[in-house]
Amino acid sequence: MTNPVAAIQKLYSETIRELKKCTWPTRKELFESTRAVISGLVIMTVVVAVLDGVFAAAVRLIAGMN
């Protein structure tokens, strides 16, 4: 059985080593990505809201609940 403290220390040091290999985005890249995600969410919200209205109207029409 291995020493749990040594295993945790090894995991921590390996994690730090791997994180140093990562390429982190610049502030500008992060801002642009965030803007793209928020824009996509807004567009999808509008699409879902429009489709919800269309389908709700269709169901009311079919069910005769005008």
PDB file of N, CA and C in Angstrom:
ATOM      1  N   MET A   1       0.848  -1.173   0.000  1.00  0.00           N
ATOM      2  CA  MET A   1       0.000   0.000   0.000  1.00  0.00           C
ATOM      3  C   MET A   1       0.892   1.233   0.000  1.00  0.00           C
ATOM      4  N   THR A   2       0.569   2.183  -0.854  1.00  0.00           N
ATOM      5  CA  THR A   2       1.392   3.384  -0.945  1.00  0.00           C
ATOM      6  C   THR A   2       0.955   4.399   0.096  1.00  0.00           C
ATOM      7  N   ASN A   3       1.865   5.292   0.360  1.00  0.00           N
ATOM      8  CA  ASN A   3       1.605   6.357   1.320  1.00  0.00           C
ATOM      9  C   ASN A   3       0.630   7.349   0.701  1.00  0.00           C
ATOM     10  N   PRO A   4      -0.544   7.601   1.315  1.00  0.00           N
ATOM     11  CA  PRO A   4      -1.518   8.512   0.706  1.00  0.00           C
ATOM     12  C   PRO A   4      -1.000   9.945   0.603  1.00  0.00           C
ATOM     13  N   VAL A   5      -0.193  10.364   1.545  1.00  0.00           N
ATOM     14  CA  VAL A   5       0.346  11.730   1.494  1.00  0.00           C
ATOM     15  C   VAL A   5       1.294  11.863   0.305  1.00  0.00           C
ATOM     16  N   ALA A   6       2.109  10.873   0.089  1.00  0.00           N
ATOM     17  CA  ALA A   6       3.031  10.900  -1.053  1.00  0.00           C
ATOM     18  C   ALA A   6       2.254  10.872  -2.369  1.00  0.00           C
ATOM     19  N   ALA A   7       1.168  10.127  -2.416  1.00  0.00           N
ATOM     20  CA  ALA A   7       0.354  10.068  -3.631  1.00  0.00           C
ATOM     21  C   ALA A   7      -0.282  11.424  -3.923  1.00  0.00           C
ATOM     22  N   ILE A   8      -0.744  12.101  -2.892  1.00  0.00           N
ATOM     23  CA  ILE A   8      -1.347  13.426  -3.063  1.00  0.00           C
ATOM     24  C   ILE A   8      -0.291  14.429  -3.516  1.00  0.00           C
ATOM     25  N   GLN A   9       0.903  14.368  -2.925  1.00  0.00           N
ATOM     26  CA  GLN A   9       1.983  15.263  -3.325  1.00  0.00           C
ATOM     27  C   GLN A   9       2.376  15.027  -4.782  1.00  0.00           C
ATOM     28  N   LYS A  10       2.421  13.761  -5.189  1.00  0.00           N
ATOM     29  CA  LYS A  10       2.762  13.432  -6.570  1.00  0.00           C
ATOM     30  C   LYS A  10       1.689  13.970  -7.515  1.00  0.00           C
ATOM     31  N   LEU A  11       0.421  13.771  -7.172  1.00  0.00           N
ATOM     32  CA  LEU A  11      -0.675  14.275  -7.989  1.00  0.00           C
ATOM     33  C   LEU A  11      -0.603  15.789  -8.118  1.00  0.00           C
ATOM     34  N   TYR A  12      -0.339  16.468  -7.010  1.00  0.00           N
ATOM     35  CA  TYR A  12      -0.251  17.927  -7.021  1.00  0.00           C
ATOM     36  C   TYR A  12       0.899  18.399  -7.912  1.00  0.00           C
ATOM     37  N   SER A  13       2.056  17.799  -7.774  1.00  0.00           N
ATOM     38  CA  SER A  13       3.210  18.239  -8.565  1.00  0.00           C
ATOM     39  C   SER A  13       2.996  17.946 -10.051  1.00  0.00           C
ATOM     40  N   GLU A  14       2.372  16.813 -10.380  1.00  0.00           N
ATOM     41  CA  GLU A  14       2.093  16.498 -11.785  1.00  0.00           C
ATOM     42  C   GLU A  14       1.053  17.460 -12.359  1.00  0.00           C
ATOM     43  N   THR A  15       0.079  17.826 -11.547  1.00  0.00           N
ATOM     44  CA  THR A  15      -0.944  18.773 -11.996  1.00  0.00           C
ATOM     45  C   THR A  15      -0.316  20.128 -12.290  1.00  0.00           C
ATOM     46  N   ILE A  16       0.534  20.608 -11.412  1.00  0.00           N
ATOM     47  CA  ILE A  16       1.214  21.890 -11.612  1.00  0.00           C
ATOM     48  C   ILE A  16       2.074  21.835 -12.876  1.00  0.00           C
ATOM     49  N   ARG A  17       2.770  20.735 -13.073  1.00  0.00           N
ATOM     50  CA  ARG A  17       3.624  20.580 -14.251  1.00  0.00           C
ATOM     51  C   ARG A  17       2.784  20.639 -15.535  1.00  0.00           C
ATOM     52  N   GLU A  18       1.638  19.974 -15.543  1.00  0.00           N
ATOM     53  CA  GLU A  18       0.773  19.992 -16.723  1.00  0.00           C
ATOM     54  C   GLU A  18       0.169  21.377 -16.955  1.00  0.00           C
ATOM     55  N   LEU A  19      -0.207  22.071 -15.899  1.00  0.00           N
ATOM     56  CA  LEU A  19      -0.780  23.411 -16.040  1.00  0.00           C
ATOM     57  C   LEU A  19       0.226  24.400 -16.616  1.00  0.00           C
ATOM     58  N   LYS A  20       1.491  24.197 -16.347  1.00  0.00           N
ATOM     59  CA  LYS A  20       2.517  25.079 -16.910  1.00  0.00           C
ATOM     60  C   LYS A  20       2.654  24.884 -18.411  1.00  0.00           C
ATOM     61  N   LYS A  21       2.237  23.736 -18.930  1.00  0.00           N
ATOM     62  CA  LYS A  21       2.295  23.466 -20.366  1.00  0.00           C
ATOM     63  C   LYS A  21       1.130  24.105 -21.110  1.00  0.00           C
ATOM     64  N   CYS A  22       0.097  24.488 -20.383  1.00  0.00           N
ATOM     65  CA  CYS A  22      -1.106  25.034 -21.024  1.00  0.00           C
ATOM     66  C   CYS A  22      -0.836  26.402 -21.630  1.00  0.00           C
ATOM     67  N   THR A  23      -1.536  26.677 -22.709  1.00  0.00           N
ATOM     68  CA  THR A  23      -1.506  27.999 -23.318  1.00  0.00           C
ATOM     69  C   THR A  23      -2.750  28.736 -22.857  1.00  0.00           C
ATOM     70  N   TRP A  24      -2.564  29.771 -22.081  1.00  0.00           N
ATOM     71  CA  TRP A  24      -3.687  30.513 -21.535  1.00  0.00           C
ATOM     72  C   TRP A  24      -4.062  31.647 -22.482  1.00  0.00           C
ATOM     73  N   PRO A  25      -5.363  31.942 -22.617  1.00  0.00           N
ATOM     74  CA  PRO A  25      -5.777  33.005 -23.538  1.00  0.00           C
ATOM     75  C   PRO A  25      -5.376  34.379 -23.001  1.00  0.00           C
ATOM     76  N   THR A  26      -5.151  35.292 -23.949  1.00  0.00           N
ATOM     77  CA  THR A  26      -4.886  36.667 -23.540  1.00  0.00           C
ATOM     78  C   THR A  26      -6.205  37.298 -23.119  1.00  0.00           C
ATOM     79  N   ARG A  27      -6.125  38.467 -22.537  1.00  0.00           N
ATOM     80  CA  ARG A  27      -7.328  39.168 -22.086  1.00  0.00           C
ATOM     81  C   ARG A  27      -8.247  39.463 -23.273  1.00  0.00           C
ATOM     82  N   LYS A  28      -7.643  39.842 -24.414  1.00  0.00           N
ATOM     83  CA  LYS A  28      -8.425  40.150 -25.614  1.00  0.00           C
ATOM     84  C   LYS A  28      -9.121  38.894 -26.137  1.00  0.00           C
ATOM     85  N   GLU A  29      -8.403  37.766 -26.192  1.00  0.00           N
ATOM     86  CA  GLU A  29      -8.999  36.518 -26.661  1.00  0.00           C
ATOM     87  C   GLU A  29     -10.137  36.067 -25.753  1.00  0.00           C
ATOM     88  N   LEU A  30      -9.949  36.229 -24.466  1.00  0.00           N
ATOM     89  CA  LEU A  30     -10.981  35.849 -23.501  1.00  0.00           C
ATOM     90  C   LEU A  30     -12.220  36.715 -23.677  1.00  0.00           C
ATOM     91  N   PHE A  31     -12.026  38.017 -23.885  1.00  0.00           N
ATOM     92  CA  PHE A  31     -13.151  38.933 -24.098  1.00  0.00           C
ATOM     93  C   PHE A  31     -13.904  38.567 -25.370  1.00  0.00           C
ATOM     94  N   GLU A  32     -13.177  38.285 -26.451  1.00  0.00           N
ATOM     95  CA  GLU A  32     -13.817  37.931 -27.718  1.00  0.00           C
ATOM     96  C   GLU A  32     -14.590  36.621 -27.613  1.00  0.00           C
ATOM     97  N   SER A  33     -14.033  35.650 -26.926  1.00  0.00           N
ATOM     98  CA  SER A  33     -14.724  34.376 -26.744  1.00  0.00           C
ATOM     99  C   SER A  33     -15.985  34.555 -25.907  1.00  0.00           C
ATOM    100  N   THR A  34     -15.879  35.351 -24.865  1.00  0.00           N
ATOM    101  CA  THR A  34     -17.039  35.607 -24.016  1.00  0.00           C
ATOM    102  C   THR A  34     -18.128  36.311 -24.803  1.00  0.00           C
ATOM    103  N   ARG A  35     -17.743  37.276 -25.619  1.00  0.00           N
ATOM    104  CA  ARG A  35     -18.710  38.002 -26.444  1.00  0.00           C
ATOM    105  C   ARG A  35     -19.388  37.052 -27.429  1.00  0.00           C
ATOM    106  N   ALA A  36     -18.636  36.136 -28.015  1.00  0.00           N
ATOM    107  CA  ALA A  36     -19.209  35.178 -28.960  1.00  0.00           C
ATOM    108  C   ALA A  36     -20.208  34.255 -28.268  1.00  0.00           C
ATOM    109  N   VAL A  37     -19.879  33.810 -27.075  1.00  0.00           N
ATOM    110  CA  VAL A  37     -20.782  32.921 -26.332  1.00  0.00           C
ATOM    111  C   VAL A  37     -22.071  33.650 -25.961  1.00  0.00           C
ATOM    112  N   ILE A  38     -21.956  34.875 -25.463  1.00  0.00           N
ATOM    113  CA  ILE A  38     -23.146  35.638 -25.074  1.00  0.00           C
ATOM    114  C   ILE A  38     -24.002  35.948 -26.304  1.00  0.00           C
ATOM    115  N   SER A  39     -23.374  36.293 -27.418  1.00  0.00           N
ATOM    116  CA  SER A  39     -24.124  36.547 -28.654  1.00  0.00           C
ATOM    117  C   SER A  39     -24.871  35.291 -29.101  1.00  0.00           C
ATOM    118  N   GLY A  40     -24.213  34.166 -29.033  1.00  0.00           N
ATOM    119  CA  GLY A  40     -24.858  32.907 -29.393  1.00  0.00           C
ATOM    120  C   GLY A  40     -26.041  32.595 -28.493  1.00  0.00           C
ATOM    121  N   LEU A  41     -25.890  32.860 -27.215  1.00  0.00           N
ATOM    122  CA  LEU A  41     -26.989  32.625 -26.276  1.00  0.00           C
ATOM    123  C   LEU A  41     -28.181  33.523 -26.578  1.00  0.00           C
ATOM    124  N   VAL A  42     -27.912  34.773 -26.889  1.00  0.00           N
ATOM    125  CA  VAL A  42     -29.000  35.708 -27.213  1.00  0.00           C
ATOM    126  C   VAL A  42     -29.729  35.240 -28.471  1.00  0.00           C
ATOM    127  N   ILE A  43     -28.973  34.849 -29.498  1.00  0.00           N
ATOM    128  CA  ILE A  43     -29.587  34.382 -30.738  1.00  0.00           C
ATOM    129  C   ILE A  43     -30.429  33.131 -30.486  1.00  0.00           C
ATOM    130  N   MET A  44     -29.892  32.194 -29.744  1.00  0.00           N
ATOM    131  CA  MET A  44     -30.636  30.966 -29.460  1.00  0.00           C
ATOM    132  C   MET A  44     -31.881  31.249 -28.624  1.00  0.00           C
ATOM    133  N   THR A  45     -31.807  32.202 -27.708  1.00  0.00           N
ATOM    134  CA  THR A  45     -32.969  32.569 -26.902  1.00  0.00           C
ATOM    135  C   THR A  45     -34.081  33.116 -27.785  1.00  0.00           C
ATOM    136  N   VAL A  46     -33.715  33.976 -28.735  1.00  0.00           N
ATOM    137  CA  VAL A  46     -34.708  34.541 -29.656  1.00  0.00           C
ATOM    138  C   VAL A  46     -35.320  33.438 -30.510  1.00  0.00           C
ATOM    139  N   VAL A  47     -34.494  32.537 -31.040  1.00  0.00           N
ATOM    140  CA  VAL A  47     -34.992  31.442 -31.876  1.00  0.00           C
ATOM    141  C   VAL A  47     -35.963  30.567 -31.086  1.00  0.00           C
ATOM    142  N   VAL A  48     -35.606  30.199 -29.882  1.00  0.00           N
ATOM    143  CA  VAL A  48     -36.470  29.344 -29.059  1.00  0.00           C
ATOM    144  C   VAL A  48     -37.769  30.069 -28.717  1.00  0.00           C
ATOM    145  N   ALA A  49     -37.699  31.356 -28.399  1.00  0.00           N
ATOM    146  CA  ALA A  49     -38.902  32.115 -28.070  1.00  0.00           C
ATOM    147  C   ALA A  49     -39.845  32.197 -29.271  1.00  0.00           C
ATOM    148  N   VAL A  50     -39.306  32.434 -30.455  1.00  0.00           N
ATOM    149  CA  VAL A  50     -40.135  32.505 -31.665  1.00  0.00           C
ATOM    150  C   VAL A  50     -40.766  31.147 -31.952  1.00  0.00           C
ATOM    151  N   LEU A  51     -39.972  30.092 -31.912  1.00  0.00           N
ATOM    152  CA  LEU A  51     -40.506  28.756 -32.162  1.00  0.00           C
ATOM    153  C   LEU A  51     -41.551  28.365 -31.120  1.00  0.00           C
ATOM    154  N   ASP A  52     -41.343  28.745 -29.876  1.00  0.00           N
ATOM    155  CA  ASP A  52     -42.317  28.466 -28.828  1.00  0.00           C
ATOM    156  C   ASP A  52     -43.645  29.158 -29.134  1.00  0.00           C
ATOM    157  N   GLY A  53     -43.569  30.392 -29.569  1.00  0.00           N
ATOM    158  CA  GLY A  53     -44.793  31.113 -29.929  1.00  0.00           C
ATOM    159  C   GLY A  53     -45.505  30.477 -31.109  1.00  0.00           C
ATOM    160  N   VAL A  54     -44.750  30.072 -32.124  1.00  0.00           N
ATOM    161  CA  VAL A  54     -45.335  29.439 -33.309  1.00  0.00           C
ATOM    162  C   VAL A  54     -46.000  28.115 -32.933  1.00  0.00           C
ATOM    163  N   PHE A  55     -45.307  27.292 -32.184  1.00  0.00           N
ATOM    164  CA  PHE A  55     -45.871  25.996 -31.798  1.00  0.00           C
ATOM    165  C   PHE A  55     -47.066  26.157 -30.856  1.00  0.00           C
ATOM    166  N   ALA A  56     -46.999  27.118 -29.960  1.00  0.00           N
ATOM    167  CA  ALA A  56     -48.142  27.353 -29.062  1.00  0.00           C
ATOM    168  C   ALA A  56     -49.363  27.795 -29.857  1.00  0.00           C
ATOM    169  N   ALA A  57     -49.170  28.675 -30.843  1.00  0.00           N
ATOM    170  CA  ALA A  57     -50.281  29.110 -31.687  1.00  0.00           C
ATOM    171  C   ALA A  57     -50.827  27.938 -32.494  1.00  0.00           C
ATOM    172  N   ALA A  58     -49.957  27.088 -33.004  1.00  0.00           N
ATOM    173  CA  ALA A  58     -50.394  25.928 -33.775  1.00  0.00           C
ATOM    174  C   ALA A  58     -51.214  24.973 -32.908  1.00  0.00           C
ATOM    175  N   VAL A  59     -50.777  24.738 -31.700  1.00  0.00           N
ATOM    176  CA  VAL A  59     -51.508  23.847 -30.792  1.00  0.00           C
ATOM    177  C   VAL A  59     -52.866  24.446 -30.447  1.00  0.00           C
ATOM    178  N   ARG A  60     -52.907  25.759 -30.189  1.00  0.00           N
ATOM    179  CA  ARG A  60     -54.197  26.416 -29.891  1.00  0.00           C
ATOM    180  C   ARG A  60     -55.132  26.327 -31.092  1.00  0.00           C
ATOM    181  N   LEU A  61     -54.595  26.488 -32.285  1.00  0.00           N
ATOM    182  CA  LEU A  61     -55.399  26.407 -33.503  1.00  0.00           C
ATOM    183  C   LEU A  61     -55.948  24.998 -33.694  1.00  0.00           C
ATOM    184  N   ILE A  62     -55.083  24.000 -33.532  1.00  0.00           N
ATOM    185  CA  ILE A  62     -55.500  22.602 -33.697  1.00  0.00           C
ATOM    186  C   ILE A  62     -56.519  22.207 -32.634  1.00  0.00           C
ATOM    187  N   ALA A  63     -56.308  22.661 -31.409  1.00  0.00           N
ATOM    188  CA  ALA A  63     -57.201  22.309 -30.318  1.00  0.00           C
ATOM    189  C   ALA A  63     -58.456  23.156 -30.295  1.00  0.00           C
ATOM    190  N   GLY A  64     -58.521  24.182 -31.133  1.00  0.00           N
ATOM    191  CA  GLY A  64     -59.698  25.050 -31.176  1.00  0.00           C
ATOM    192  C   GLY A  64     -59.842  25.910 -29.947  1.00  0.00           C
ATOM    193  N   MET A  65     -58.703  26.353 -29.394  1.00  0.00           N
ATOM    194  CA  MET A  65     -58.712  27.144 -28.168  1.00  0.00           C
ATOM    195  C   MET A  65     -58.380  28.606 -28.457  1.00  0.00           C
ATOM    196  N   ASN A  66     -58.922  29.155 -29.532  1.00  0.00           N
ATOM    197  CA  ASN A  66     -58.627  30.545 -29.885  1.00  0.00           C
ATOM    198  C   ASN A  66     -59.182  31.405 -28.857  1.00  0.00           C
TER     199      ASN A  66
END
